Amino acid sequence: MENSFVEEVAASLIREFLSRKGLKKTITTMDEELPRSELSINNRNELRNVLHLHSLYKHNKAKESPLKTLLEIITNYFLERHGTSRSISSSSALSAPQSKSSTSHQPNLPDEDHVCGSATTLDESRTQAHRRSPTSTCYKEDQMKDILELVDVEAEETTGEVIKNPDLSTLYMLQVVSKAIDISLAKELKNLLFGSSLCCFSEEWKIQNFTFNNIPQLKYGIVQKKGGPCGVLAAVQACVLQRLIFADSNRNKDIRCLQPSEVHRTKCLTMAIADILWRAGGNEKAIVALPSGRQQFIPIGKYKADGILETLILHSATRYEDLVVFLQQNIHQFETGPWGCILLTVSVILSRSINLVRNDFDVLTNRLIGSHGYCTQELVNLLLTGKAVSNVFNNVIELDSGNGNITILKGITSRSDIGLLSLFEHYDVCQVGCYLKTPKYPIWLVCSESHFSVLFCLEKDLLGDWKTERKFDLYYYDGLANQEEEIRLTVDTTQMCAEDKENDLTPPLEHCIRTKWQGAVIDWNGTEPIL
């Protein structure tokens, strides 16, 4: 695996130190000798987020004479914890647990309260070893001597699921095989995405990541910056909500699960991405595409460079546990990095494989990104179900057009975790099958015109208990709509609403809801209806 991002974070730490100390000439010299790249972090808050220093920073700020730079804060932490001797003990959490009890229980996934230094961020020599041999490489203890444990002083409370992780000793045997993208694969990706290797991602895609909302009532929500990749955003949002609301089956669900801590919502994002990629890989494998900061091939022939695909390193995992740990170490690339949405899209395609995605299509020339940069139904289905089929009905339909020609239309093959409701069904353009309309969890993507948003319920019983279905609340979230408050709809199926299909004043969202609960009365509870 390329270590460019590690280098850039280290360089950014030094720049922050020089800047806070007023050493402008030194910064200028450094920038000349080590020019900034697209991976450079020039914002102190972002640097703090990437290094998970929130609690340590807060602890420092409360002191009488707080330290001015992040580098000093980190250094002071180690000096306080390990004494002032020059050699810092490496007997950290990375050493294999000794007791039987510790090996029989799974500790929490490292978070900002417990970050093991880059145990999974391999240097280039280890990458070469991986390339020579596809089998796992065991890290010897002496190879790990320089890896330090960074533990924040104050723990931030988390709510919801305690994310399980394999025994920490498996960090020595992390099976992640890394290789650089080549021009042939980049061309295939572009053809699958756009229909041509001469097309590039639009600006709307390039700036989109999975940054969360900071409005207190909407902390669970991912913010969409511009139109275009809403299908990807909504699918990831739905999977985050699945983890946030339903991962811990023992908890009574209440509104507090929608106000997670920053640590917990990042955990849920990590697990959501892991779920999406693992499902696309047939529950056997996954590929995570990450930028390296430098070109991996020279763009020639019928290929238009976009500065993204050419830089990718592809990291393959064949164990779910390895995928989770690897994503946890690199989640900043998706959450705060500039290309998070593109990286996920490429990763889910490669996890499924180019050939299988194309074979999922009804028509081989279909693509995953349509006109105006919108996600096609195939891409949304790939994210939700792991297969890029072209339709939303159940199973397969065979159309006999005479002359012995049979057209096969492919739909959803099993009950999905996350559902879909579509305005097109209201207008009799399509029919959503029960595999999507009645998913395993009461969370639905809402397809209205060319936009995707999310509708969800806190009651898992909604899909299995008719009594719960008599009257219930649905929450609505649209990452693009500059939503500033919670939108809660009360759906009453015991009453019948006289629906007028010619009435343009009925909110499209109500039409979508009534494709599942026909004629239900819907109360917006004081919120202005979205027309």
Foldseek 3Di string as FASTA:
>chain_A
DFCQLVVQLVVLQVLQVCVLVVVVVVNVVCCVVPPDFLSHDPDPVLSCVLLLAVQLQVVQVPDPDRDRGPVVSQVVVQCVVQNPDPQGFAPDLLPADDDPVLQVAFAFQAFSQKDWAPLPSDYPVVLVVCVVPQAWDFADPVNCRPIHIDGRPDDDDWDADRHTFHGSPCSRGQRKHKDADEPVVLQLQCCQAPVFQQDDADPQQQQDFQAADPQQLQRLAGARDDDAEQLLRALLSLQLVCRLQPVDVPDDGDSVSRRTDPRHSLLSSLVSLLVQQCLLLVVFKWKFKDFNRDFPYDDDDRHDDDPGSRRIMIIMHGHSSSSSSVCSSVVCCRHPNRNNSVRSLVRLDVSNNSVQQLVQELDNSDHQADPPNFGACQSSCCRFRSHSFRAQAEAWDWDDPPPPDIRIHGHHDAQTQEAEFELCVLVVNHAHYCSRLQHQFQKYWYHYPRHTWIKHFSDSCCSPDVVQVQKGKIWTDDSHPPDNHTWIKIWHLVDFAPDDPVDPPPASVVSRVCSNRPRIDIDRPPDDGDD
